[in-house]
Amino acid sequence: MPGSEFGRDEKELTARIAYVDFNSREALDNYPIDKAFDDSFVKTYCARTIEAVGRLVN
């Protein structure tokens, strides 16, 4: 997706980096299809990514 999709100027060179550090098979196997998605799922199956983003913010 171009940077303009994220509010950046169309003429600006923008790089978007996505960090993924979780076991996608385990997450998909345990995804709660029968109930609403909530933060507890992400905290359980993507804890390392949440911790890393928290460190970047702080």
PDB file of N, CA and C in Angstrom:
ATOM      1  N   MET A   1       0.842  -1.172   0.000  1.00  0.00           N
ATOM      2  CA  MET A   1       0.000   0.000   0.000  1.00  0.00           C
ATOM      3  C   MET A   1       0.889   1.237   0.000  1.00  0.00           C
ATOM      4  N   PRO A   2       0.501   2.250  -0.734  1.00  0.00           N
ATOM      5  CA  PRO A   2       1.298   3.477  -0.752  1.00  0.00           C
ATOM      6  C   PRO A   2       1.183   4.241   0.566  1.00  0.00           C
ATOM      7  N   GLY A   3       2.189   5.066   0.837  1.00  0.00           N
ATOM      8  CA  GLY A   3       2.200   5.855   2.067  1.00  0.00           C
ATOM      9  C   GLY A   3       0.985   6.759   2.204  1.00  0.00           C
ATOM     10  N   SER A   4       0.410   7.181   1.076  1.00  0.00           N
ATOM     11  CA  SER A   4      -0.766   8.060   1.134  1.00  0.00           C
ATOM     12  C   SER A   4      -1.947   7.383   1.824  1.00  0.00           C
ATOM     13  N   GLU A   5      -1.974   6.050   1.811  1.00  0.00           N
ATOM     14  CA  GLU A   5      -3.031   5.318   2.522  1.00  0.00           C
ATOM     15  C   GLU A   5      -2.908   5.476   4.033  1.00  0.00           C
ATOM     16  N   PHE A   6      -1.744   5.933   4.477  1.00  0.00           N
ATOM     17  CA  PHE A   6      -1.494   6.115   5.904  1.00  0.00           C
ATOM     18  C   PHE A   6      -1.330   7.587   6.260  1.00  0.00           C
ATOM     19  N   GLY A   7      -1.816   8.461   5.379  1.00  0.00           N
ATOM     20  CA  GLY A   7      -1.785   9.893   5.666  1.00  0.00           C
ATOM     21  C   GLY A   7      -0.489  10.586   5.286  1.00  0.00           C
ATOM     22  N   ARG A   8       0.398   9.902   4.566  1.00  0.00           N
ATOM     23  CA  ARG A   8       1.661  10.509   4.161  1.00  0.00           C
ATOM     24  C   ARG A   8       1.481  11.180   2.805  1.00  0.00           C
ATOM     25  N   ASP A   9       2.328  12.166   2.514  1.00  0.00           N
ATOM     26  CA  ASP A   9       2.284  12.877   1.241  1.00  0.00           C
ATOM     27  C   ASP A   9       2.601  11.903   0.103  1.00  0.00           C
ATOM     28  N   GLU A  10       1.889  12.041  -1.016  1.00  0.00           N
ATOM     29  CA  GLU A  10       2.078  11.138  -2.161  1.00  0.00           C
ATOM     30  C   GLU A  10       3.487  11.209  -2.739  1.00  0.00           C
ATOM     31  N   LYS A  11       4.148  12.366  -2.595  1.00  0.00           N
ATOM     32  CA  LYS A  11       5.485  12.544  -3.165  1.00  0.00           C
ATOM     33  C   LYS A  11       6.595  12.135  -2.200  1.00  0.00           C
ATOM     34  N   GLU A  12       6.231  11.764  -0.992  1.00  0.00           N
ATOM     35  CA  GLU A  12       7.213  11.375   0.013  1.00  0.00           C
ATOM     36  C   GLU A  12       7.526   9.884  -0.119  1.00  0.00           C
ATOM     37  N   LEU A  13       8.806   9.547   0.009  1.00  0.00           N
ATOM     38  CA  LEU A  13       9.192   8.143   0.026  1.00  0.00           C
ATOM     39  C   LEU A  13       8.920   7.611   1.427  1.00  0.00           C
ATOM     40  N   THR A  14       8.064   6.620   1.534  1.00  0.00           N
ATOM     41  CA  THR A  14       7.660   6.078   2.826  1.00  0.00           C
ATOM     42  C   THR A  14       7.940   4.582   2.865  1.00  0.00           C
ATOM     43  N   ALA A  15       8.500   4.145   3.973  1.00  0.00           N
ATOM     44  CA  ALA A  15       8.719   2.709   4.179  1.00  0.00           C
ATOM     45  C   ALA A  15       7.853   2.263   5.348  1.00  0.00           C
ATOM     46  N   ARG A  16       7.161   1.175   5.158  1.00  0.00           N
ATOM     47  CA  ARG A  16       6.330   0.614   6.224  1.00  0.00           C
ATOM     48  C   ARG A  16       6.911  -0.742   6.581  1.00  0.00           C
ATOM     49  N   ILE A  17       7.182  -0.921   7.856  1.00  0.00           N
ATOM     50  CA  ILE A  17       7.776  -2.166   8.316  1.00  0.00           C
ATOM     51  C   ILE A  17       6.787  -2.862   9.247  1.00  0.00           C
ATOM     52  N   ALA A  18       6.564  -4.131   9.011  1.00  0.00           N
ATOM     53  CA  ALA A  18       5.671  -4.904   9.873  1.00  0.00           C
ATOM     54  C   ALA A  18       6.488  -5.972  10.598  1.00  0.00           C
ATOM     55  N   TYR A  19       6.392  -5.972  11.906  1.00  0.00           N
ATOM     56  CA  TYR A  19       7.086  -6.967  12.716  1.00  0.00           C
ATOM     57  C   TYR A  19       6.091  -8.031  13.168  1.00  0.00           C
ATOM     58  N   VAL A  20       6.392  -9.258  12.876  1.00  0.00           N
ATOM     59  CA  VAL A  20       5.530 -10.357  13.268  1.00  0.00           C
ATOM     60  C   VAL A  20       6.391 -11.381  14.003  1.00  0.00           C
ATOM     61  N   ASP A  21       6.061 -11.616  15.257  1.00  0.00           N
ATOM     62  CA  ASP A  21       6.831 -12.566  16.058  1.00  0.00           C
ATOM     63  C   ASP A  21       5.852 -13.393  16.890  1.00  0.00           C
ATOM     64  N   PHE A  22       5.163 -14.296  16.221  1.00  0.00           N
ATOM     65  CA  PHE A  22       4.243 -15.186  16.923  1.00  0.00           C
ATOM     66  C   PHE A  22       4.036 -16.438  16.086  1.00  0.00           C
ATOM     67  N   ASN A  23       3.566 -17.466  16.718  1.00  0.00           N
ATOM     68  CA  ASN A  23       3.308 -18.735  16.046  1.00  0.00           C
ATOM     69  C   ASN A  23       1.918 -18.652  15.413  1.00  0.00           C
ATOM     70  N   SER A  24       1.885 -18.368  14.129  1.00  0.00           N
ATOM     71  CA  SER A  24       0.593 -18.168  13.465  1.00  0.00           C
ATOM     72  C   SER A  24      -0.264 -19.431  13.467  1.00  0.00           C
ATOM     73  N   ARG A  25       0.339 -20.593  13.353  1.00  0.00           N
ATOM     74  CA  ARG A  25      -0.435 -21.841  13.371  1.00  0.00           C
ATOM     75  C   ARG A  25      -1.132 -22.001  14.715  1.00  0.00           C
ATOM     76  N   GLU A  26      -0.394 -21.765  15.810  1.00  0.00           N
ATOM     77  CA  GLU A  26      -0.984 -21.874  17.152  1.00  0.00           C
ATOM     78  C   GLU A  26      -2.096 -20.844  17.332  1.00  0.00           C
ATOM     79  N   ALA A  27      -1.861 -19.624  16.863  1.00  0.00           N
ATOM     80  CA  ALA A  27      -2.873 -18.574  16.991  1.00  0.00           C
ATOM     81  C   ALA A  27      -4.138 -18.929  16.208  1.00  0.00           C
ATOM     82  N   LEU A  28      -3.970 -19.364  14.968  1.00  0.00           N
ATOM     83  CA  LEU A  28      -5.139 -19.721  14.155  1.00  0.00           C
ATOM     84  C   LEU A  28      -5.884 -20.926  14.710  1.00  0.00           C
ATOM     85  N   ASP A  29      -5.143 -21.893  15.222  1.00  0.00           N
ATOM     86  CA  ASP A  29      -5.788 -23.075  15.801  1.00  0.00           C
ATOM     87  C   ASP A  29      -6.617 -22.731  17.034  1.00  0.00           C
ATOM     88  N   ASN A  30      -6.276 -21.642  17.704  1.00  0.00           N
ATOM     89  CA  ASN A  30      -6.969 -21.261  18.937  1.00  0.00           C
ATOM     90  C   ASN A  30      -7.831 -20.017  18.794  1.00  0.00           C
ATOM     91  N   TYR A  31      -8.000 -19.542  17.563  1.00  0.00           N
ATOM     92  CA  TYR A  31      -8.806 -18.345  17.332  1.00  0.00           C
ATOM     93  C   TYR A  31     -10.260 -18.629  17.705  1.00  0.00           C
ATOM     94  N   PRO A  32     -10.854 -17.765  18.525  1.00  0.00           N
ATOM     95  CA  PRO A  32     -12.232 -18.002  19.001  1.00  0.00           C
ATOM     96  C   PRO A  32     -13.284 -17.612  17.962  1.00  0.00           C
ATOM     97  N   ILE A  33     -13.594 -18.505  17.056  1.00  0.00           N
ATOM     98  CA  ILE A  33     -14.559 -18.222  15.991  1.00  0.00           C
ATOM     99  C   ILE A  33     -15.961 -17.970  16.546  1.00  0.00           C
ATOM    100  N   ASP A  34     -16.295 -18.615  17.643  1.00  0.00           N
ATOM    101  CA  ASP A  34     -17.653 -18.544  18.181  1.00  0.00           C
ATOM    102  C   ASP A  34     -17.898 -17.380  19.138  1.00  0.00           C
ATOM    103  N   LYS A  35     -16.886 -16.528  19.386  1.00  0.00           N
ATOM    104  CA  LYS A  35     -17.113 -15.378  20.263  1.00  0.00           C
ATOM    105  C   LYS A  35     -16.327 -14.178  19.770  1.00  0.00           C
ATOM    106  N   ALA A  36     -16.620 -13.027  20.329  1.00  0.00           N
ATOM    107  CA  ALA A  36     -15.992 -11.780  19.901  1.00  0.00           C
ATOM    108  C   ALA A  36     -14.491 -11.793  20.179  1.00  0.00           C
ATOM    109  N   PHE A  37     -13.757 -11.236  19.250  1.00  0.00           N
ATOM    110  CA  PHE A  37     -12.309 -11.105  19.390  1.00  0.00           C
ATOM    111  C   PHE A  37     -12.016 -10.062  20.464  1.00  0.00           C
ATOM    112  N   ASP A  38     -11.081 -10.358  21.374  1.00  0.00           N
ATOM    113  CA  ASP A  38     -10.736  -9.377  22.405  1.00  0.00           C
ATOM    114  C   ASP A  38      -9.232  -9.357  22.651  1.00  0.00           C
ATOM    115  N   ASP A  39      -8.792  -8.428  23.500  1.00  0.00           N
ATOM    116  CA  ASP A  39      -7.367  -8.247  23.778  1.00  0.00           C
ATOM    117  C   ASP A  39      -6.717  -9.470  24.404  1.00  0.00           C
ATOM    118  N   SER A  40      -7.471 -10.267  25.122  1.00  0.00           N
ATOM    119  CA  SER A  40      -6.872 -11.422  25.795  1.00  0.00           C
ATOM    120  C   SER A  40      -6.270 -12.406  24.787  1.00  0.00           C
ATOM    121  N   PHE A  41      -6.881 -12.537  23.626  1.00  0.00           N
ATOM    122  CA  PHE A  41      -6.333 -13.419  22.597  1.00  0.00           C
ATOM    123  C   PHE A  41      -4.967 -12.917  22.143  1.00  0.00           C
ATOM    124  N   VAL A  42      -4.875 -11.632  21.853  1.00  0.00           N
ATOM    125  CA  VAL A  42      -3.608 -11.051  21.399  1.00  0.00           C
ATOM    126  C   VAL A  42      -2.552 -11.157  22.495  1.00  0.00           C
ATOM    127  N   LYS A  43      -2.935 -10.883  23.726  1.00  0.00           N
ATOM    128  CA  LYS A  43      -1.989 -10.972  24.842  1.00  0.00           C
ATOM    129  C   LYS A  43      -1.485 -12.399  25.035  1.00  0.00           C
ATOM    130  N   THR A  44      -2.318 -13.380  24.747  1.00  0.00           N
ATOM    131  CA  THR A  44      -1.927 -14.780  24.904  1.00  0.00           C
ATOM    132  C   THR A  44      -1.038 -15.261  23.762  1.00  0.00           C
ATOM    133  N   TYR A  45      -1.405 -14.959  22.532  1.00  0.00           N
ATOM    134  CA  TYR A  45      -0.714 -15.533  21.379  1.00  0.00           C
ATOM    135  C   TYR A  45       0.276 -14.597  20.684  1.00  0.00           C
ATOM    136  N   CYS A  46       0.288 -13.334  21.064  1.00  0.00           N
ATOM    137  CA  CYS A  46       1.210 -12.368  20.437  1.00  0.00           C
ATOM    138  C   CYS A  46       1.958 -11.564  21.495  1.00  0.00           C
ATOM    139  N   ALA A  47       2.215 -12.164  22.628  1.00  0.00           N
ATOM    140  CA  ALA A  47       2.808 -11.461  23.772  1.00  0.00           C
ATOM    141  C   ALA A  47       4.161 -10.837  23.444  1.00  0.00           C
ATOM    142  N   ARG A  48       4.998 -11.531  22.700  1.00  0.00           N
ATOM    143  CA  ARG A  48       6.327 -10.987  22.387  1.00  0.00           C
ATOM    144  C   ARG A  48       6.227  -9.741  21.517  1.00  0.00           C
ATOM    145  N   THR A  49       5.285  -9.726  20.578  1.00  0.00           N
ATOM    146  CA  THR A  49       5.097  -8.554  19.735  1.00  0.00           C
ATOM    147  C   THR A  49       4.586  -7.383  20.563  1.00  0.00           C
ATOM    148  N   ILE A  50       3.654  -7.626  21.461  1.00  0.00           N
ATOM    149  CA  ILE A  50       3.134  -6.571  22.332  1.00  0.00           C
ATOM    150  C   ILE A  50       4.251  -6.010  23.203  1.00  0.00           C
ATOM    151  N   GLU A  51       5.074  -6.881  23.755  1.00  0.00           N
ATOM    152  CA  GLU A  51       6.191  -6.422  24.586  1.00  0.00           C
ATOM    153  C   GLU A  51       7.158  -5.563  23.767  1.00  0.00           C
ATOM    154  N   ALA A  52       7.476  -5.990  22.563  1.00  0.00           N
ATOM    155  CA  ALA A  52       8.405  -5.246  21.713  1.00  0.00           C
ATOM    156  C   ALA A  52       7.866  -3.865  21.357  1.00  0.00           C
ATOM    157  N   VAL A  53       6.594  -3.781  21.004  1.00  0.00           N
ATOM    158  CA  VAL A  53       5.993  -2.489  20.681  1.00  0.00           C
ATOM    159  C   VAL A  53       5.987  -1.596  21.917  1.00  0.00           C
ATOM    160  N   GLY A  54       5.696  -2.163  23.073  1.00  0.00           N
ATOM    161  CA  GLY A  54       5.740  -1.396  24.317  1.00  0.00           C
ATOM    162  C   GLY A  54       7.112  -0.818  24.582  1.00  0.00           C
ATOM    163  N   ARG A  55       8.146  -1.574  24.288  1.00  0.00           N
ATOM    164  CA  ARG A  55       9.513  -1.079  24.471  1.00  0.00           C
ATOM    165  C   ARG A  55       9.825   0.052  23.505  1.00  0.00           C
ATOM    166  N   LEU A  56       9.319  -0.049  22.279  1.00  0.00           N
ATOM    167  CA  LEU A  56       9.530   1.027  21.312  1.00  0.00           C
ATOM    168  C   LEU A  56       8.837   2.310  21.752  1.00  0.00           C
ATOM    169  N   VAL A  57       7.645   2.181  22.287  1.00  0.00           N
ATOM    170  CA  VAL A  57       6.871   3.341  22.723  1.00  0.00           C
ATOM    171  C   VAL A  57       7.544   4.030  23.901  1.00  0.00           C
ATOM    172  N   ASN A  58       8.053   3.232  24.823  1.00  0.00           N
ATOM    173  CA  ASN A  58       8.692   3.797  26.010  1.00  0.00           C
ATOM    174  C   ASN A  58      10.128   4.142  25.698  1.00  0.00           C
TER     175      ASN A  58
END
